[in-house]
Amino acid sequence: MRKVSAHYYLKPGGTFGKHPIIVLNDDGRIENIREQKEGFREEAGLAYYPGIIIPGFVASIDRQSENADVERIALVNGVLRIKRGIKSLSTEEYINPWTSICNLVNEQAGFTNLSHYLMKHTAKAAHIAGEAEWGVIGDGAKPGLLVIQNIDLRDFSLTAKTALKIIQR
């Protein structure tokens, strides 16, 4: 059993929940999520990651591809769930989602909604792939977890130091 927390997390509907405690079983499946409404409080066995916890990105590669480099590149870019053969996801944008998100958010500074781009590469991509337990942080799901660190949490904007870190594969 593992417990993780952060300032915020991406909820299944595309909003941000505050001060989550996400309980994972030994297989990485989410057992329980609760928000600390009165603010963050430490508890035994809780690992805290400053930033925003999001589900692992979802992507697809061509069914015929034997190229292991594609999967390694995807992992470095936060793609924790890959399905072979879903052509609607087989683009460079989905192999490098974090780069795509950063570029779009920076191009659209002040006019974008970060959660929209995150949902595109998590919940929406999982839905297209037909894998309901991927792409969402919810009870029973097994999305893998990432944390976006060094982000401006007042307006959810990226900074020059914003980075992605894998919490749970």
N, C-alpha and C. Protein backbone atom coordinates (compact mmCIF):
# COMPACT_ATOMS: atom_id res chain seq x y z
N MET A 1 0.84 -1.18 0.00
CA MET A 1 0.00 0.00 0.00
C MET A 1 0.89 1.24 0.00
N ARG A 2 0.53 2.21 -0.81
CA ARG A 2 1.30 3.44 -0.94
C ARG A 2 0.33 4.62 -0.94
N LYS A 3 0.71 5.71 -0.27
CA LYS A 3 -0.11 6.92 -0.24
C LYS A 3 0.71 8.08 -0.78
N VAL A 4 0.12 8.85 -1.71
CA VAL A 4 0.79 10.01 -2.27
C VAL A 4 -0.13 11.23 -2.20
N SER A 5 0.50 12.40 -2.15
CA SER A 5 -0.26 13.65 -2.09
C SER A 5 0.51 14.74 -2.82
N ALA A 6 -0.19 15.85 -3.09
CA ALA A 6 0.39 17.02 -3.74
C ALA A 6 -0.49 18.23 -3.43
N HIS A 7 -0.14 19.36 -4.01
CA HIS A 7 -0.99 20.54 -3.85
C HIS A 7 -2.36 20.29 -4.49
N TYR A 8 -2.33 19.72 -5.72
CA TYR A 8 -3.57 19.49 -6.49
C TYR A 8 -3.47 18.16 -7.23
N TYR A 9 -4.60 17.72 -7.77
CA TYR A 9 -4.63 16.58 -8.69
C TYR A 9 -5.69 16.84 -9.75
N LEU A 10 -5.52 16.21 -10.89
CA LEU A 10 -6.47 16.35 -12.00
C LEU A 10 -7.61 15.36 -11.78
N LYS A 11 -8.81 15.90 -11.57
CA LYS A 11 -9.98 15.07 -11.35
C LYS A 11 -10.52 14.56 -12.69
N PRO A 12 -11.31 13.47 -12.68
CA PRO A 12 -11.82 12.91 -13.94
C PRO A 12 -12.60 13.89 -14.81
N GLY A 13 -13.24 14.88 -14.23
CA GLY A 13 -14.01 15.84 -15.01
C GLY A 13 -13.19 16.98 -15.58
N GLY A 14 -11.89 17.01 -15.30
CA GLY A 14 -11.02 18.04 -15.86
C GLY A 14 -10.80 19.23 -14.94
N THR A 15 -11.29 19.16 -13.70
CA THR A 15 -11.01 20.21 -12.74
C THR A 15 -9.87 19.76 -11.83
N PHE A 16 -9.37 20.67 -11.02
CA PHE A 16 -8.30 20.35 -10.10
C PHE A 16 -8.84 20.23 -8.68
N GLY A 17 -8.56 19.11 -8.02
CA GLY A 17 -8.93 18.91 -6.63
C GLY A 17 -7.73 19.29 -5.76
N LYS A 18 -8.02 19.79 -4.56
CA LYS A 18 -6.97 20.31 -3.70
C LYS A 18 -6.60 19.32 -2.59
N HIS A 19 -5.31 19.22 -2.32
CA HIS A 19 -4.75 18.41 -1.23
C HIS A 19 -5.26 16.97 -1.24
N PRO A 20 -5.03 16.23 -2.31
CA PRO A 20 -5.51 14.85 -2.36
C PRO A 20 -4.62 13.90 -1.55
N ILE A 21 -5.21 12.84 -1.10
CA ILE A 21 -4.45 11.69 -0.63
C ILE A 21 -4.92 10.54 -1.51
N ILE A 22 -4.00 10.03 -2.31
CA ILE A 22 -4.31 8.95 -3.24
C ILE A 22 -3.66 7.68 -2.70
N VAL A 23 -4.50 6.68 -2.43
CA VAL A 23 -4.01 5.41 -1.88
C VAL A 23 -3.94 4.39 -3.01
N LEU A 24 -2.75 3.82 -3.21
CA LEU A 24 -2.51 2.84 -4.27
C LEU A 24 -2.23 1.48 -3.65
N ASN A 25 -2.76 0.41 -4.28
CA ASN A 25 -2.41 -0.92 -3.79
C ASN A 25 -1.05 -1.32 -4.36
N ASP A 26 -0.61 -2.51 -4.06
CA ASP A 26 0.73 -2.95 -4.48
C ASP A 26 0.88 -3.07 -5.99
N ASP A 27 -0.23 -3.19 -6.73
CA ASP A 27 -0.20 -3.27 -8.19
C ASP A 27 -0.32 -1.90 -8.86
N GLY A 28 -0.44 -0.83 -8.06
CA GLY A 28 -0.56 0.50 -8.63
C GLY A 28 -1.99 0.92 -8.93
N ARG A 29 -2.95 0.11 -8.52
CA ARG A 29 -4.37 0.45 -8.72
C ARG A 29 -4.80 1.39 -7.59
N ILE A 30 -5.61 2.39 -7.93
CA ILE A 30 -6.07 3.35 -6.94
C ILE A 30 -7.17 2.73 -6.08
N GLU A 31 -6.90 2.68 -4.79
CA GLU A 31 -7.86 2.13 -3.83
C GLU A 31 -8.84 3.20 -3.36
N ASN A 32 -8.31 4.41 -3.16
CA ASN A 32 -9.12 5.45 -2.55
C ASN A 32 -8.50 6.80 -2.83
N ILE A 33 -9.35 7.82 -2.95
CA ILE A 33 -8.88 9.20 -3.08
C ILE A 33 -9.71 10.03 -2.12
N ARG A 34 -9.05 10.86 -1.37
CA ARG A 34 -9.79 11.80 -0.54
C ARG A 34 -9.09 13.14 -0.57
N GLU A 35 -9.88 14.19 -0.51
CA GLU A 35 -9.34 15.54 -0.48
C GLU A 35 -9.35 16.04 0.96
N GLN A 36 -8.29 16.72 1.34
CA GLN A 36 -8.21 17.32 2.67
C GLN A 36 -8.75 18.75 2.57
N LYS A 37 -10.01 18.91 2.85
CA LYS A 37 -10.70 20.18 2.65
C LYS A 37 -10.12 21.32 3.49
N GLU A 38 -9.63 21.01 4.69
CA GLU A 38 -9.12 22.05 5.58
C GLU A 38 -7.65 22.37 5.33
N GLY A 39 -7.04 21.77 4.35
CA GLY A 39 -5.63 22.01 4.06
C GLY A 39 -4.82 20.74 4.29
N PHE A 40 -3.61 20.77 3.80
CA PHE A 40 -2.75 19.59 3.86
C PHE A 40 -2.33 19.28 5.29
N ARG A 41 -2.41 18.00 5.64
CA ARG A 41 -1.89 17.51 6.92
C ARG A 41 -1.10 16.24 6.66
N GLU A 42 0.04 16.16 7.28
CA GLU A 42 0.86 14.96 7.13
C GLU A 42 0.20 13.79 7.86
N GLU A 43 0.51 12.60 7.38
CA GLU A 43 0.08 11.38 8.07
C GLU A 43 1.10 10.30 7.78
N ALA A 44 1.10 9.28 8.58
CA ALA A 44 2.08 8.20 8.46
C ALA A 44 2.06 7.58 7.07
N GLY A 45 3.24 7.39 6.50
CA GLY A 45 3.38 6.71 5.22
C GLY A 45 2.98 7.52 4.00
N LEU A 46 2.77 8.81 4.14
CA LEU A 46 2.33 9.66 3.02
C LEU A 46 3.54 10.32 2.35
N ALA A 47 3.68 10.10 1.04
CA ALA A 47 4.73 10.75 0.26
C ALA A 47 4.14 11.99 -0.40
N TYR A 48 4.77 13.14 -0.18
CA TYR A 48 4.25 14.40 -0.70
C TYR A 48 5.10 14.87 -1.87
N TYR A 49 4.42 15.24 -2.97
CA TYR A 49 5.08 15.75 -4.17
C TYR A 49 4.50 17.13 -4.47
N PRO A 50 5.27 18.19 -4.29
CA PRO A 50 4.73 19.52 -4.58
C PRO A 50 4.38 19.64 -6.06
N GLY A 51 3.20 20.18 -6.34
CA GLY A 51 2.76 20.36 -7.72
C GLY A 51 1.39 19.77 -7.94
N ILE A 52 1.18 19.26 -9.15
CA ILE A 52 -0.12 18.71 -9.56
C ILE A 52 0.07 17.26 -9.99
N ILE A 53 -0.64 16.35 -9.33
CA ILE A 53 -0.61 14.94 -9.73
C ILE A 53 -1.60 14.76 -10.87
N ILE A 54 -1.13 14.10 -11.94
CA ILE A 54 -1.98 13.80 -13.09
C ILE A 54 -1.83 12.32 -13.44
N PRO A 55 -2.80 11.77 -14.17
CA PRO A 55 -2.63 10.39 -14.64
C PRO A 55 -1.51 10.34 -15.67
N GLY A 56 -0.91 9.17 -15.83
CA GLY A 56 0.09 9.00 -16.88
C GLY A 56 -0.53 9.25 -18.24
N PHE A 57 0.24 9.78 -19.17
CA PHE A 57 -0.26 10.02 -20.52
C PHE A 57 -0.51 8.69 -21.22
N VAL A 58 -1.45 8.71 -22.15
CA VAL A 58 -1.83 7.53 -22.92
C VAL A 58 -1.49 7.79 -24.37
N ALA A 59 -0.90 6.79 -25.04
CA ALA A 59 -0.55 6.93 -26.45
C ALA A 59 -0.71 5.59 -27.14
N SER A 60 -0.52 5.62 -28.44
CA SER A 60 -0.59 4.41 -29.24
C SER A 60 0.56 4.41 -30.23
N ILE A 61 1.01 3.23 -30.53
CA ILE A 61 2.00 3.08 -31.59
C ILE A 61 1.48 2.07 -32.58
N ASP A 62 1.97 2.15 -33.78
CA ASP A 62 1.54 1.26 -34.85
C ASP A 62 1.71 -0.19 -34.44
N ARG A 63 0.70 -0.99 -34.70
CA ARG A 63 0.71 -2.41 -34.33
C ARG A 63 1.92 -3.13 -34.92
N GLN A 64 2.38 -2.72 -36.09
CA GLN A 64 3.49 -3.39 -36.76
C GLN A 64 4.85 -2.97 -36.23
N SER A 65 4.90 -1.89 -35.46
CA SER A 65 6.18 -1.34 -35.02
C SER A 65 6.88 -2.28 -34.04
N GLU A 66 8.12 -2.56 -34.34
CA GLU A 66 8.96 -3.36 -33.44
C GLU A 66 9.99 -2.47 -32.77
N ASN A 67 9.89 -1.18 -33.00
CA ASN A 67 10.90 -0.24 -32.54
C ASN A 67 10.76 0.05 -31.05
N ALA A 68 11.66 -0.51 -30.25
CA ALA A 68 11.64 -0.30 -28.80
C ALA A 68 11.98 1.14 -28.45
N ASP A 69 12.71 1.84 -29.34
CA ASP A 69 13.05 3.23 -29.07
C ASP A 69 11.81 4.10 -28.93
N VAL A 70 10.78 3.82 -29.71
CA VAL A 70 9.54 4.58 -29.63
C VAL A 70 8.96 4.47 -28.22
N GLU A 71 8.94 3.28 -27.66
CA GLU A 71 8.39 3.10 -26.32
C GLU A 71 9.28 3.76 -25.28
N ARG A 72 10.59 3.73 -25.44
CA ARG A 72 11.49 4.41 -24.50
C ARG A 72 11.31 5.92 -24.58
N ILE A 73 11.18 6.45 -25.78
CA ILE A 73 10.95 7.89 -25.96
C ILE A 73 9.64 8.28 -25.30
N ALA A 74 8.61 7.48 -25.49
CA ALA A 74 7.32 7.77 -24.90
C ALA A 74 7.40 7.78 -23.38
N LEU A 75 8.09 6.82 -22.79
CA LEU A 75 8.21 6.76 -21.33
C LEU A 75 8.89 8.00 -20.78
N VAL A 76 9.94 8.46 -21.41
CA VAL A 76 10.64 9.66 -20.98
C VAL A 76 9.70 10.86 -21.01
N ASN A 77 8.76 10.88 -21.92
CA ASN A 77 7.82 11.99 -22.07
C ASN A 77 6.54 11.79 -21.25
N GLY A 78 6.55 10.85 -20.32
CA GLY A 78 5.41 10.67 -19.42
C GLY A 78 4.32 9.75 -19.91
N VAL A 79 4.53 9.08 -21.03
CA VAL A 79 3.53 8.14 -21.53
C VAL A 79 3.71 6.83 -20.75
N LEU A 80 2.77 6.58 -19.84
CA LEU A 80 2.88 5.39 -19.01
C LEU A 80 1.99 4.26 -19.49
N ARG A 81 1.09 4.55 -20.39
CA ARG A 81 0.19 3.53 -20.93
C ARG A 81 0.19 3.62 -22.45
N ILE A 82 0.58 2.53 -23.10
CA ILE A 82 0.67 2.49 -24.56
C ILE A 82 -0.16 1.32 -25.07
N LYS A 83 -0.93 1.59 -26.10
CA LYS A 83 -1.69 0.54 -26.77
C LYS A 83 -1.26 0.50 -28.22
N ARG A 84 -1.03 -0.67 -28.72
CA ARG A 84 -0.63 -0.82 -30.12
C ARG A 84 -1.86 -0.85 -31.03
N GLY A 85 -1.74 -0.16 -32.16
CA GLY A 85 -2.70 -0.30 -33.23
C GLY A 85 -3.87 0.65 -33.26
N ILE A 86 -3.94 1.64 -32.40
CA ILE A 86 -5.02 2.62 -32.47
C ILE A 86 -4.52 3.80 -33.29
N LYS A 87 -4.81 3.79 -34.57
CA LYS A 87 -4.23 4.78 -35.48
C LYS A 87 -4.60 6.21 -35.11
N SER A 88 -5.76 6.44 -34.50
CA SER A 88 -6.15 7.81 -34.18
C SER A 88 -5.24 8.44 -33.12
N LEU A 89 -4.43 7.63 -32.44
CA LEU A 89 -3.50 8.17 -31.46
C LEU A 89 -2.05 8.12 -31.93
N SER A 90 -1.81 7.52 -33.07
CA SER A 90 -0.43 7.30 -33.52
C SER A 90 0.15 8.52 -34.21
N THR A 91 0.47 9.53 -33.43
CA THR A 91 1.10 10.74 -33.98
C THR A 91 2.24 11.16 -33.07
N GLU A 92 3.12 11.99 -33.60
CA GLU A 92 4.24 12.51 -32.80
C GLU A 92 3.72 13.23 -31.57
N GLU A 93 2.58 13.91 -31.71
CA GLU A 93 2.00 14.64 -30.58
C GLU A 93 1.72 13.72 -29.40
N TYR A 94 1.29 12.49 -29.67
CA TYR A 94 0.97 11.57 -28.58
C TYR A 94 2.20 10.82 -28.07
N ILE A 95 3.25 10.76 -28.85
CA ILE A 95 4.48 10.14 -28.36
C ILE A 95 5.25 11.14 -27.49
N ASN A 96 5.10 12.42 -27.77
CA ASN A 96 5.75 13.48 -27.00
C ASN A 96 4.71 14.43 -26.40
N PRO A 97 3.79 13.94 -25.57
CA PRO A 97 2.70 14.78 -25.09
C PRO A 97 3.15 15.96 -24.24
N TRP A 98 4.16 15.76 -23.39
CA TRP A 98 4.58 16.85 -22.52
C TRP A 98 5.14 18.01 -23.35
N THR A 99 5.92 17.71 -24.37
CA THR A 99 6.44 18.75 -25.24
C THR A 99 5.29 19.47 -25.95
N SER A 100 4.31 18.71 -26.44
CA SER A 100 3.15 19.30 -27.12
C SER A 100 2.37 20.22 -26.19
N ILE A 101 2.14 19.75 -24.96
CA ILE A 101 1.40 20.56 -24.00
C ILE A 101 2.15 21.86 -23.69
N CYS A 102 3.43 21.75 -23.42
CA CYS A 102 4.24 22.95 -23.12
C CYS A 102 4.20 23.94 -24.28
N ASN A 103 4.36 23.45 -25.49
CA ASN A 103 4.33 24.33 -26.66
C ASN A 103 2.99 25.02 -26.81
N LEU A 104 1.90 24.27 -26.68
CA LEU A 104 0.57 24.85 -26.83
C LEU A 104 0.27 25.86 -25.74
N VAL A 105 0.59 25.52 -24.50
CA VAL A 105 0.32 26.43 -23.39
C VAL A 105 1.13 27.71 -23.54
N ASN A 106 2.39 27.59 -23.94
CA ASN A 106 3.22 28.78 -24.12
C ASN A 106 2.75 29.64 -25.30
N GLU A 107 2.31 29.00 -26.39
CA GLU A 107 1.80 29.74 -27.54
C GLU A 107 0.51 30.46 -27.21
N GLN A 108 -0.30 29.86 -26.38
CA GLN A 108 -1.62 30.39 -26.05
C GLN A 108 -1.64 31.09 -24.69
N ALA A 109 -0.50 31.55 -24.22
CA ALA A 109 -0.37 32.14 -22.88
C ALA A 109 -1.53 33.08 -22.58
N GLY A 110 -2.19 32.81 -21.45
CA GLY A 110 -3.32 33.63 -21.02
C GLY A 110 -4.65 33.23 -21.63
N PHE A 111 -4.63 32.38 -22.66
CA PHE A 111 -5.87 32.01 -23.33
C PHE A 111 -6.16 30.51 -23.25
N THR A 112 -5.30 29.78 -22.57
CA THR A 112 -5.47 28.33 -22.55
C THR A 112 -5.93 27.85 -21.19
N ASN A 113 -6.42 26.65 -21.19
CA ASN A 113 -6.80 25.99 -19.96
C ASN A 113 -5.93 24.74 -19.88
N LEU A 114 -4.97 24.73 -18.96
CA LEU A 114 -4.03 23.62 -18.84
C LEU A 114 -4.76 22.28 -18.72
N SER A 115 -5.85 22.25 -17.97
CA SER A 115 -6.55 20.97 -17.78
C SER A 115 -7.08 20.42 -19.11
N HIS A 116 -7.46 21.29 -20.03
CA HIS A 116 -7.95 20.85 -21.35
C HIS A 116 -6.88 20.01 -22.06
N TYR A 117 -5.65 20.50 -22.08
CA TYR A 117 -4.57 19.79 -22.75
C TYR A 117 -4.18 18.52 -22.01
N LEU A 118 -4.21 18.58 -20.67
CA LEU A 118 -3.92 17.38 -19.89
C LEU A 118 -4.96 16.30 -20.14
N MET A 119 -6.23 16.68 -20.17
CA MET A 119 -7.31 15.71 -20.41
C MET A 119 -7.19 15.08 -21.79
N LYS A 120 -6.76 15.85 -22.77
CA LYS A 120 -6.60 15.33 -24.13
C LYS A 120 -5.63 14.16 -24.16
N HIS A 121 -4.59 14.23 -23.37
CA HIS A 121 -3.54 13.20 -23.38
C HIS A 121 -3.72 12.15 -22.29
N THR A 122 -4.77 12.28 -21.48
CA THR A 122 -5.02 11.30 -20.42
C THR A 122 -6.39 10.67 -20.63
N ALA A 123 -7.43 11.26 -20.09
CA ALA A 123 -8.78 10.67 -20.13
C ALA A 123 -9.30 10.49 -21.55
N LYS A 124 -9.16 11.51 -22.39
CA LYS A 124 -9.69 11.40 -23.76
C LYS A 124 -8.92 10.37 -24.58
N ALA A 125 -7.61 10.33 -24.42
CA ALA A 125 -6.80 9.33 -25.14
C ALA A 125 -7.13 7.93 -24.65
N ALA A 126 -7.35 7.76 -23.35
CA ALA A 126 -7.71 6.45 -22.79
C ALA A 126 -9.08 6.00 -23.33
N HIS A 127 -10.01 6.94 -23.44
CA HIS A 127 -11.34 6.62 -23.98
C HIS A 127 -11.22 6.14 -25.43
N ILE A 128 -10.43 6.82 -26.24
CA ILE A 128 -10.23 6.43 -27.64
C ILE A 128 -9.60 5.03 -27.71
N ALA A 129 -8.67 4.76 -26.79
CA ALA A 129 -8.00 3.46 -26.78
C ALA A 129 -8.88 2.35 -26.20
N GLY A 130 -10.02 2.71 -25.62
CA GLY A 130 -10.91 1.71 -25.04
C GLY A 130 -10.40 1.13 -23.73
N GLU A 131 -9.63 1.92 -23.00
CA GLU A 131 -9.04 1.47 -21.73
C GLU A 131 -9.51 2.39 -20.60
N ALA A 132 -10.68 2.08 -20.04
CA ALA A 132 -11.32 2.95 -19.05
C ALA A 132 -10.48 3.16 -17.79
N GLU A 133 -9.66 2.20 -17.41
CA GLU A 133 -8.90 2.35 -16.17
C GLU A 133 -7.63 3.17 -16.34
N TRP A 134 -7.32 3.56 -17.55
CA TRP A 134 -6.18 4.43 -17.83
C TRP A 134 -6.69 5.87 -17.90
N GLY A 135 -5.82 6.80 -17.70
CA GLY A 135 -6.13 8.19 -18.02
C GLY A 135 -6.96 8.95 -17.00
N VAL A 136 -7.36 8.33 -15.89
CA VAL A 136 -8.11 9.04 -14.86
C VAL A 136 -7.59 8.68 -13.48
N ILE A 137 -7.71 9.63 -12.59
CA ILE A 137 -7.40 9.37 -11.19
C ILE A 137 -8.74 9.16 -10.50
N GLY A 138 -9.10 7.90 -10.32
CA GLY A 138 -10.38 7.54 -9.71
C GLY A 138 -10.28 6.18 -9.05
N ASP A 139 -11.19 5.91 -8.15
CA ASP A 139 -11.21 4.62 -7.46
C ASP A 139 -11.23 3.48 -8.46
N GLY A 140 -10.35 2.51 -8.29
CA GLY A 140 -10.29 1.34 -9.15
C GLY A 140 -9.46 1.51 -10.41
N ALA A 141 -9.06 2.73 -10.73
CA ALA A 141 -8.28 2.99 -11.95
C ALA A 141 -6.82 2.63 -11.73
N LYS A 142 -6.13 2.39 -12.84
CA LYS A 142 -4.70 2.09 -12.80
C LYS A 142 -3.99 2.93 -13.87
N PRO A 143 -3.93 4.25 -13.64
CA PRO A 143 -3.41 5.14 -14.68
C PRO A 143 -1.90 5.32 -14.70
N GLY A 144 -1.21 4.96 -13.62
CA GLY A 144 0.15 5.45 -13.45
C GLY A 144 0.02 6.91 -13.06
N LEU A 145 0.97 7.43 -12.32
CA LEU A 145 0.84 8.81 -11.85
C LEU A 145 2.09 9.62 -12.18
N LEU A 146 1.84 10.85 -12.61
CA LEU A 146 2.89 11.83 -12.87
C LEU A 146 2.64 13.03 -11.97
N VAL A 147 3.67 13.82 -11.73
CA VAL A 147 3.48 15.09 -11.04
C VAL A 147 4.14 16.18 -11.86
N ILE A 148 3.39 17.27 -12.05
CA ILE A 148 3.93 18.46 -12.71
C ILE A 148 4.48 19.34 -11.60
N GLN A 149 5.79 19.58 -11.64
CA GLN A 149 6.43 20.35 -10.58
C GLN A 149 6.90 21.70 -11.09
N ASN A 150 7.14 22.61 -10.15
CA ASN A 150 7.60 23.97 -10.46
C ASN A 150 6.64 24.68 -11.41
N ILE A 151 5.37 24.59 -11.08
CA ILE A 151 4.32 25.26 -11.85
C ILE A 151 3.78 26.41 -11.00
N ASP A 152 3.32 27.45 -11.64
CA ASP A 152 2.71 28.56 -10.91
C ASP A 152 1.31 28.12 -10.50
N LEU A 153 1.13 27.82 -9.23
CA LEU A 153 -0.14 27.27 -8.75
C LEU A 153 -1.22 28.32 -8.54
N ARG A 154 -0.88 29.58 -8.68
CA ARG A 154 -1.92 30.63 -8.58
C ARG A 154 -2.81 30.62 -9.81
N ASP A 155 -2.18 30.47 -10.97
CA ASP A 155 -2.97 30.50 -12.21
C ASP A 155 -2.72 29.27 -13.09
N PHE A 156 -2.07 28.25 -12.52
CA PHE A 156 -1.80 27.00 -13.23
C PHE A 156 -1.08 27.24 -14.55
N SER A 157 -0.08 28.11 -14.50
CA SER A 157 0.71 28.38 -15.70
C SER A 157 2.09 27.74 -15.56
N LEU A 158 2.67 27.42 -16.70
CA LEU A 158 3.99 26.81 -16.73
C LEU A 158 5.05 27.87 -16.53
N THR A 159 6.16 27.47 -15.94
CA THR A 159 7.30 28.37 -15.76
C THR A 159 8.49 27.78 -16.53
N ALA A 160 9.59 28.50 -16.53
CA ALA A 160 10.79 28.01 -17.21
C ALA A 160 11.33 26.74 -16.55
N LYS A 161 10.99 26.52 -15.28
CA LYS A 161 11.49 25.36 -14.54
C LYS A 161 10.46 24.23 -14.42
N THR A 162 9.30 24.38 -15.01
CA THR A 162 8.27 23.35 -14.92
C THR A 162 8.79 22.03 -15.50
N ALA A 163 8.56 20.96 -14.77
CA ALA A 163 9.04 19.64 -15.19
C ALA A 163 8.02 18.57 -14.81
N LEU A 164 8.17 17.44 -15.45
CA LEU A 164 7.31 16.29 -15.23
C LEU A 164 8.12 15.21 -14.54
N LYS A 165 7.53 14.57 -13.54
CA LYS A 165 8.20 13.48 -12.82
C LYS A 165 7.25 12.29 -12.70
N ILE A 166 7.78 11.10 -12.88
CA ILE A 166 6.97 9.89 -12.74
C ILE A 166 6.92 9.51 -11.26
N ILE A 167 5.70 9.32 -10.74
CA ILE A 167 5.51 8.87 -9.36
C ILE A 167 5.28 7.37 -9.32
N GLN A 168 4.37 6.89 -10.18
CA GLN A 168 3.96 5.48 -10.19
C GLN A 168 3.78 5.03 -11.63
N ARG A 169 4.47 3.98 -12.03
CA ARG A 169 4.32 3.48 -13.41
C ARG A 169 3.15 2.59 -13.57
